[in-house]
Amino acid sequence: MRKSRLSWYKQQRLIELFVGGVTARTAASLVGVNVKTAIGYFQRLRTLIYEHSEHLELLEGEIEADESYFGGSRKGK
């Protein structure tokens, strides 16, 4: 990425871990950067992927979701 204070090696390592599905917190400890740095870098990668996606029309239009209930207290306890 342009204008990054991270070394080329750390950038490449973060990209490898991002592609591998590693969390930002784990990637930060493996690469040796601050957690906030890894989170920001992962967010920039997600933004770049979105901006260069050829299927942006899939993210537009009406979206339908089933009704679900999460959380709350358990009955009978």
PDB file of N, CA and C in Angstrom:
ATOM      1  N   MET A   1       0.831  -1.180   0.000  1.00  0.00           N
ATOM      2  CA  MET A   1       0.000   0.000   0.000  1.00  0.00           C
ATOM      3  C   MET A   1       0.874   1.241   0.000  1.00  0.00           C
ATOM      4  N   ARG A   2       0.347   2.296  -0.519  1.00  0.00           N
ATOM      5  CA  ARG A   2       1.091   3.549  -0.565  1.00  0.00           C
ATOM      6  C   ARG A   2       1.069   4.253   0.779  1.00  0.00           C
ATOM      7  N   LYS A   3       2.089   5.035   1.002  1.00  0.00           N
ATOM      8  CA  LYS A   3       2.191   5.894   2.177  1.00  0.00           C
ATOM      9  C   LYS A   3       1.958   5.145   3.486  1.00  0.00           C
ATOM     10  N   SER A   4       2.621   4.064   3.653  1.00  0.00           N
ATOM     11  CA  SER A   4       2.517   3.296   4.882  1.00  0.00           C
ATOM     12  C   SER A   4       3.850   3.340   5.610  1.00  0.00           C
ATOM     13  N   ARG A   5       3.795   3.484   6.912  1.00  0.00           N
ATOM     14  CA  ARG A   5       5.020   3.500   7.706  1.00  0.00           C
ATOM     15  C   ARG A   5       5.513   2.092   8.017  1.00  0.00           C
ATOM     16  N   LEU A   6       4.702   1.110   7.695  1.00  0.00           N
ATOM     17  CA  LEU A   6       5.117  -0.276   7.929  1.00  0.00           C
ATOM     18  C   LEU A   6       6.139  -0.697   6.881  1.00  0.00           C
ATOM     19  N   SER A   7       7.048  -1.533   7.280  1.00  0.00           N
ATOM     20  CA  SER A   7       8.026  -2.045   6.321  1.00  0.00           C
ATOM     21  C   SER A   7       7.317  -2.939   5.305  1.00  0.00           C
ATOM     22  N   TRP A   8       7.991  -3.129   4.178  1.00  0.00           N
ATOM     23  CA  TRP A   8       7.414  -3.956   3.128  1.00  0.00           C
ATOM     24  C   TRP A   8       7.140  -5.363   3.647  1.00  0.00           C
ATOM     25  N   TYR A   9       8.059  -5.899   4.434  1.00  0.00           N
ATOM     26  CA  TYR A   9       7.897  -7.244   4.981  1.00  0.00           C
ATOM     27  C   TYR A   9       6.654  -7.333   5.868  1.00  0.00           C
ATOM     28  N   LYS A  10       6.460  -6.358   6.751  1.00  0.00           N
ATOM     29  CA  LYS A  10       5.303  -6.392   7.646  1.00  0.00           C
ATOM     30  C   LYS A  10       4.000  -6.245   6.870  1.00  0.00           C
ATOM     31  N   GLN A  11       4.017  -5.415   5.820  1.00  0.00           N
ATOM     32  CA  GLN A  11       2.825  -5.277   4.988  1.00  0.00           C
ATOM     33  C   GLN A  11       2.476  -6.605   4.321  1.00  0.00           C
ATOM     34  N   GLN A  12       3.479  -7.259   3.748  1.00  0.00           N
ATOM     35  CA  GLN A  12       3.238  -8.537   3.078  1.00  0.00           C
ATOM     36  C   GLN A  12       2.759  -9.599   4.055  1.00  0.00           C
ATOM     37  N   ARG A  13       3.334  -9.594   5.239  1.00  0.00           N
ATOM     38  CA  ARG A  13       2.940 -10.570   6.266  1.00  0.00           C
ATOM     39  C   ARG A  13       1.500 -10.337   6.699  1.00  0.00           C
ATOM     40  N   LEU A  14       1.100  -9.064   6.877  1.00  0.00           N
ATOM     41  CA  LEU A  14      -0.286  -8.762   7.246  1.00  0.00           C
ATOM     42  C   LEU A  14      -1.252  -9.184   6.144  1.00  0.00           C
ATOM     43  N   ILE A  15      -0.862  -8.984   4.891  1.00  0.00           N
ATOM     44  CA  ILE A  15      -1.717  -9.401   3.776  1.00  0.00           C
ATOM     45  C   ILE A  15      -1.868 -10.920   3.768  1.00  0.00           C
ATOM     46  N   GLU A  16      -0.773 -11.641   3.981  1.00  0.00           N
ATOM     47  CA  GLU A  16      -0.840 -13.108   4.026  1.00  0.00           C
ATOM     48  C   GLU A  16      -1.775 -13.581   5.139  1.00  0.00           C
ATOM     49  N   LEU A  17      -1.675 -12.961   6.290  1.00  0.00           N
ATOM     50  CA  LEU A  17      -2.520 -13.355   7.415  1.00  0.00           C
ATOM     51  C   LEU A  17      -3.975 -12.973   7.170  1.00  0.00           C
ATOM     52  N   PHE A  18      -4.202 -11.835   6.513  1.00  0.00           N
ATOM     53  CA  PHE A  18      -5.560 -11.412   6.165  1.00  0.00           C
ATOM     54  C   PHE A  18      -6.208 -12.427   5.229  1.00  0.00           C
ATOM     55  N   VAL A  19      -5.467 -12.829   4.211  1.00  0.00           N
ATOM     56  CA  VAL A  19      -5.974 -13.818   3.251  1.00  0.00           C
ATOM     57  C   VAL A  19      -6.205 -15.154   3.941  1.00  0.00           C
ATOM     58  N   GLY A  20      -5.361 -15.480   4.905  1.00  0.00           N
ATOM     59  CA  GLY A  20      -5.490 -16.738   5.634  1.00  0.00           C
ATOM     60  C   GLY A  20      -6.626 -16.752   6.644  1.00  0.00           C
ATOM     61  N   GLY A  21      -7.280 -15.612   6.854  1.00  0.00           N
ATOM     62  CA  GLY A  21      -8.424 -15.565   7.757  1.00  0.00           C
ATOM     63  C   GLY A  21      -8.063 -15.373   9.219  1.00  0.00           C
ATOM     64  N   VAL A  22      -6.855 -14.922   9.475  1.00  0.00           N
ATOM     65  CA  VAL A  22      -6.413 -14.690  10.850  1.00  0.00           C
ATOM     66  C   VAL A  22      -7.022 -13.383  11.347  1.00  0.00           C
ATOM     67  N   THR A  23      -7.374 -13.328  12.617  1.00  0.00           N
ATOM     68  CA  THR A  23      -7.927 -12.099  13.177  1.00  0.00           C
ATOM     69  C   THR A  23      -6.848 -11.028  13.259  1.00  0.00           C
ATOM     70  N   ALA A  24      -7.283  -9.782  13.314  1.00  0.00           N
ATOM     71  CA  ALA A  24      -6.341  -8.661  13.383  1.00  0.00           C
ATOM     72  C   ALA A  24      -5.526  -8.715  14.668  1.00  0.00           C
ATOM     73  N   ARG A  25      -6.148  -9.137  15.750  1.00  0.00           N
ATOM     74  CA  ARG A  25      -5.435  -9.216  17.031  1.00  0.00           C
ATOM     75  C   ARG A  25      -4.304 -10.247  16.965  1.00  0.00           C
ATOM     76  N   THR A  26      -4.591 -11.404  16.396  1.00  0.00           N
ATOM     77  CA  THR A  26      -3.568 -12.440  16.261  1.00  0.00           C
ATOM     78  C   THR A  26      -2.481 -11.999  15.287  1.00  0.00           C
ATOM     79  N   ALA A  27      -2.895 -11.370  14.182  1.00  0.00           N
ATOM     80  CA  ALA A  27      -1.921 -10.888  13.202  1.00  0.00           C
ATOM     81  C   ALA A  27      -0.994  -9.852  13.820  1.00  0.00           C
ATOM     82  N   ALA A  28      -1.540  -8.998  14.672  1.00  0.00           N
ATOM     83  CA  ALA A  28      -0.720  -7.969  15.317  1.00  0.00           C
ATOM     84  C   ALA A  28       0.367  -8.597  16.175  1.00  0.00           C
ATOM     85  N   SER A  29       0.007  -9.627  16.914  1.00  0.00           N
ATOM     86  CA  SER A  29       1.013 -10.261  17.771  1.00  0.00           C
ATOM     87  C   SER A  29       2.039 -11.046  16.950  1.00  0.00           C
ATOM     88  N   LEU A  30       1.622 -11.645  15.844  1.00  0.00           N
ATOM     89  CA  LEU A  30       2.553 -12.407  15.011  1.00  0.00           C
ATOM     90  C   LEU A  30       3.535 -11.506  14.265  1.00  0.00           C
ATOM     91  N   VAL A  31       3.045 -10.355  13.811  1.00  0.00           N
ATOM     92  CA  VAL A  31       3.883  -9.453  13.026  1.00  0.00           C
ATOM     93  C   VAL A  31       4.680  -8.510  13.921  1.00  0.00           C
ATOM     94  N   GLY A  32       4.147  -8.226  15.091  1.00  0.00           N
ATOM     95  CA  GLY A  32       4.842  -7.325  16.002  1.00  0.00           C
ATOM     96  C   GLY A  32       4.445  -5.878  15.842  1.00  0.00           C
ATOM     97  N   VAL A  33       3.154  -5.647  15.547  1.00  0.00           N
ATOM     98  CA  VAL A  33       2.640  -4.284  15.442  1.00  0.00           C
ATOM     99  C   VAL A  33       1.525  -4.099  16.461  1.00  0.00           C
ATOM    100  N   ASN A  34       1.117  -2.857  16.661  1.00  0.00           N
ATOM    101  CA  ASN A  34       0.026  -2.547  17.568  1.00  0.00           C
ATOM    102  C   ASN A  34      -1.282  -3.123  17.020  1.00  0.00           C
ATOM    103  N   VAL A  35      -2.190  -3.499  17.905  1.00  0.00           N
ATOM    104  CA  VAL A  35      -3.477  -4.066  17.488  1.00  0.00           C
ATOM    105  C   VAL A  35      -4.245  -3.062  16.637  1.00  0.00           C
ATOM    106  N   LYS A  36      -4.217  -1.791  17.018  1.00  0.00           N
ATOM    107  CA  LYS A  36      -4.934  -0.766  16.246  1.00  0.00           C
ATOM    108  C   LYS A  36      -4.355  -0.626  14.841  1.00  0.00           C
ATOM    109  N   THR A  37      -3.068  -0.822  14.706  1.00  0.00           N
ATOM    110  CA  THR A  37      -2.427  -0.774  13.392  1.00  0.00           C
ATOM    111  C   THR A  37      -2.926  -1.916  12.519  1.00  0.00           C
ATOM    112  N   ALA A  38      -2.989  -3.107  13.073  1.00  0.00           N
ATOM    113  CA  ALA A  38      -3.461  -4.270  12.316  1.00  0.00           C
ATOM    114  C   ALA A  38      -4.930  -4.119  11.945  1.00  0.00           C
ATOM    115  N   ILE A  39      -5.742  -3.616  12.875  1.00  0.00           N
ATOM    116  CA  ILE A  39      -7.164  -3.415  12.589  1.00  0.00           C
ATOM    117  C   ILE A  39      -7.333  -2.414  11.453  1.00  0.00           C
ATOM    118  N   GLY A  40      -6.603  -1.310  11.515  1.00  0.00           N
ATOM    119  CA  GLY A  40      -6.676  -0.301  10.458  1.00  0.00           C
ATOM    120  C   GLY A  40      -6.208  -0.835   9.118  1.00  0.00           C
ATOM    121  N   TYR A  41      -5.156  -1.616   9.128  1.00  0.00           N
ATOM    122  CA  TYR A  41      -4.635  -2.195   7.893  1.00  0.00           C
ATOM    123  C   TYR A  41      -5.638  -3.179   7.299  1.00  0.00           C
ATOM    124  N   PHE A  42      -6.233  -4.015   8.139  1.00  0.00           N
ATOM    125  CA  PHE A  42      -7.239  -4.959   7.657  1.00  0.00           C
ATOM    126  C   PHE A  42      -8.446  -4.215   7.086  1.00  0.00           C
ATOM    127  N   GLN A  43      -8.835  -3.120   7.727  1.00  0.00           N
ATOM    128  CA  GLN A  43      -9.967  -2.341   7.231  1.00  0.00           C
ATOM    129  C   GLN A  43      -9.641  -1.723   5.873  1.00  0.00           C
ATOM    130  N   ARG A  44      -8.405  -1.228   5.708  1.00  0.00           N
ATOM    131  CA  ARG A  44      -8.000  -0.686   4.408  1.00  0.00           C
ATOM    132  C   ARG A  44      -8.011  -1.768   3.334  1.00  0.00           C
ATOM    133  N   LEU A  45      -7.598  -2.968   3.686  1.00  0.00           N
ATOM    134  CA  LEU A  45      -7.637  -4.071   2.725  1.00  0.00           C
ATOM    135  C   LEU A  45      -9.071  -4.389   2.318  1.00  0.00           C
ATOM    136  N   ARG A  46      -9.982  -4.407   3.294  1.00  0.00           N
ATOM    137  CA  ARG A  46     -11.393  -4.654   2.976  1.00  0.00           C
ATOM    138  C   ARG A  46     -11.946  -3.571   2.057  1.00  0.00           C
ATOM    139  N   THR A  47     -11.578  -2.324   2.320  1.00  0.00           N
ATOM    140  CA  THR A  47     -12.039  -1.210   1.492  1.00  0.00           C
ATOM    141  C   THR A  47     -11.505  -1.341   0.073  1.00  0.00           C
ATOM    142  N   LEU A  48     -10.235  -1.682  -0.072  1.00  0.00           N
ATOM    143  CA  LEU A  48      -9.655  -1.866  -1.403  1.00  0.00           C
ATOM    144  C   LEU A  48     -10.331  -3.004  -2.158  1.00  0.00           C
ATOM    145  N   ILE A  49     -10.620  -4.082  -1.472  1.00  0.00           N
ATOM    146  CA  ILE A  49     -11.302  -5.209  -2.111  1.00  0.00           C
ATOM    147  C   ILE A  49     -12.683  -4.778  -2.585  1.00  0.00           C
ATOM    148  N   TYR A  50     -13.394  -4.028  -1.759  1.00  0.00           N
ATOM    149  CA  TYR A  50     -14.732  -3.563  -2.124  1.00  0.00           C
ATOM    150  C   TYR A  50     -14.669  -2.625  -3.325  1.00  0.00           C
ATOM    151  N   GLU A  51     -13.732  -1.682  -3.307  1.00  0.00           N
ATOM    152  CA  GLU A  51     -13.644  -0.697  -4.384  1.00  0.00           C
ATOM    153  C   GLU A  51     -13.242  -1.322  -5.712  1.00  0.00           C
ATOM    154  N   HIS A  52     -12.490  -2.397  -5.694  1.00  0.00           N
ATOM    155  CA  HIS A  52     -12.040  -3.033  -6.931  1.00  0.00           C
ATOM    156  C   HIS A  52     -12.872  -4.256  -7.303  1.00  0.00           C
ATOM    157  N   SER A  53     -13.969  -4.453  -6.607  1.00  0.00           N
ATOM    158  CA  SER A  53     -14.830  -5.595  -6.894  1.00  0.00           C
ATOM    159  C   SER A  53     -15.587  -5.363  -8.197  1.00  0.00           C
ATOM    160  N   GLU A  54     -15.654  -6.378  -9.012  1.00  0.00           N
ATOM    161  CA  GLU A  54     -16.380  -6.285 -10.279  1.00  0.00           C
ATOM    162  C   GLU A  54     -17.869  -6.539 -10.093  1.00  0.00           C
ATOM    163  N   HIS A  55     -18.251  -6.987  -8.934  1.00  0.00           N
ATOM    164  CA  HIS A  55     -19.636  -7.365  -8.697  1.00  0.00           C
ATOM    165  C   HIS A  55     -20.301  -6.415  -7.709  1.00  0.00           C
ATOM    166  N   LEU A  56     -20.095  -5.121  -7.879  1.00  0.00           N
ATOM    167  CA  LEU A  56     -20.686  -4.151  -6.966  1.00  0.00           C
ATOM    168  C   LEU A  56     -22.208  -4.162  -7.036  1.00  0.00           C
ATOM    169  N   GLU A  57     -22.746  -4.540  -8.188  1.00  0.00           N
ATOM    170  CA  GLU A  57     -24.202  -4.563  -8.313  1.00  0.00           C
ATOM    171  C   GLU A  57     -24.835  -5.606  -7.395  1.00  0.00           C
ATOM    172  N   LEU A  58     -24.075  -6.591  -6.954  1.00  0.00           N
ATOM    173  CA  LEU A  58     -24.612  -7.579  -6.026  1.00  0.00           C
ATOM    174  C   LEU A  58     -24.885  -6.969  -4.655  1.00  0.00           C
ATOM    175  N   LEU A  59     -24.233  -5.856  -4.342  1.00  0.00           N
ATOM    176  CA  LEU A  59     -24.415  -5.225  -3.045  1.00  0.00           C
ATOM    177  C   LEU A  59     -25.484  -4.138  -3.085  1.00  0.00           C
ATOM    178  N   GLU A  60     -26.168  -3.998  -4.200  1.00  0.00           N
ATOM    179  CA  GLU A  60     -27.199  -2.985  -4.338  1.00  0.00           C
ATOM    180  C   GLU A  60     -28.562  -3.649  -4.413  1.00  0.00           C
ATOM    181  N   GLY A  61     -29.602  -2.865  -4.182  1.00  0.00           N
ATOM    182  CA  GLY A  61     -30.954  -3.363  -4.324  1.00  0.00           C
ATOM    183  C   GLY A  61     -31.568  -3.786  -3.008  1.00  0.00           C
ATOM    184  N   GLU A  62     -32.717  -4.429  -3.114  1.00  0.00           N
ATOM    185  CA  GLU A  62     -33.472  -4.838  -1.935  1.00  0.00           C
ATOM    186  C   GLU A  62     -32.895  -6.123  -1.349  1.00  0.00           C
ATOM    187  N   ILE A  63     -32.775  -6.140  -0.038  1.00  0.00           N
ATOM    188  CA  ILE A  63     -32.253  -7.313   0.662  1.00  0.00           C
ATOM    189  C   ILE A  63     -33.317  -7.816   1.609  1.00  0.00           C
ATOM    190  N   GLU A  64     -33.566  -9.104   1.583  1.00  0.00           N
ATOM    191  CA  GLU A  64     -34.577  -9.700   2.449  1.00  0.00           C
ATOM    192  C   GLU A  64     -33.893 -10.601   3.467  1.00  0.00           C
ATOM    193  N   ALA A  65     -34.318 -10.483   4.716  1.00  0.00           N
ATOM    194  CA  ALA A  65     -33.735 -11.299   5.782  1.00  0.00           C
ATOM    195  C   ALA A  65     -34.848 -11.971   6.575  1.00  0.00           C
ATOM    196  N   ASP A  66     -34.587 -13.168   7.062  1.00  0.00           N
ATOM    197  CA  ASP A  66     -35.553 -13.866   7.898  1.00  0.00           C
ATOM    198  C   ASP A  66     -35.575 -13.233   9.279  1.00  0.00           C
ATOM    199  N   GLU A  67     -36.700 -13.409   9.963  1.00  0.00           N
ATOM    200  CA  GLU A  67     -36.799 -12.876  11.317  1.00  0.00           C
ATOM    201  C   GLU A  67     -36.106 -13.827  12.283  1.00  0.00           C
ATOM    202  N   SER A  68     -35.304 -13.271  13.147  1.00  0.00           N
ATOM    203  CA  SER A  68     -34.599 -14.051  14.159  1.00  0.00           C
ATOM    204  C   SER A  68     -34.570 -13.264  15.446  1.00  0.00           C
ATOM    205  N   TYR A  69     -34.473 -13.978  16.558  1.00  0.00           N
ATOM    206  CA  TYR A  69     -34.389 -13.336  17.858  1.00  0.00           C
ATOM    207  C   TYR A  69     -33.126 -13.813  18.534  1.00  0.00           C
ATOM    208  N   PHE A  70     -32.276 -12.877  18.909  1.00  0.00           N
ATOM    209  CA  PHE A  70     -31.023 -13.213  19.574  1.00  0.00           C
ATOM    210  C   PHE A  70     -30.968 -12.501  20.910  1.00  0.00           C
ATOM    211  N   GLY A  71     -30.436 -13.174  21.905  1.00  0.00           N
ATOM    212  CA  GLY A  71     -30.237 -12.554  23.206  1.00  0.00           C
ATOM    213  C   GLY A  71     -31.471 -12.628  24.073  1.00  0.00           C
ATOM    214  N   GLY A  72     -31.523 -11.782  25.090  1.00  0.00           N
ATOM    215  CA  GLY A  72     -32.644 -11.786  26.007  1.00  0.00           C
ATOM    216  C   GLY A  72     -32.463 -12.817  27.101  1.00  0.00           C
ATOM    217  N   SER A  73     -33.447 -12.909  27.946  1.00  0.00           N
ATOM    218  CA  SER A  73     -33.355 -13.865  29.054  1.00  0.00           C
ATOM    219  C   SER A  73     -33.981 -15.193  28.662  1.00  0.00           C
ATOM    220  N   ARG A  74     -33.509 -16.254  29.286  1.00  0.00           N
ATOM    221  CA  ARG A  74     -34.036 -17.584  29.021  1.00  0.00           C
ATOM    222  C   ARG A  74     -35.268 -17.804  29.884  1.00  0.00           C
ATOM    223  N   LYS A  75     -36.304 -18.310  29.300  1.00  0.00           N
ATOM    224  CA  LYS A  75     -37.547 -18.550  30.031  1.00  0.00           C
ATOM    225  C   LYS A  75     -37.416 -19.798  30.888  1.00  0.00           C
ATOM    226  N   GLY A  76     -37.995 -19.747  32.073  1.00  0.00           N
ATOM    227  CA  GLY A  76     -37.979 -20.898  32.956  1.00  0.00           C
ATOM    228  C   GLY A  76     -36.756 -20.971  33.843  1.00  0.00           C
ATOM    229  N   LYS A  77     -35.948 -19.978  33.844  1.00  0.00           N
ATOM    230  CA  LYS A  77     -34.740 -20.011  34.692  1.00  0.00           C
ATOM    231  C   LYS A  77     -34.807 -18.929  35.718  1.00  0.00           C
TER     232      LYS A  77
END
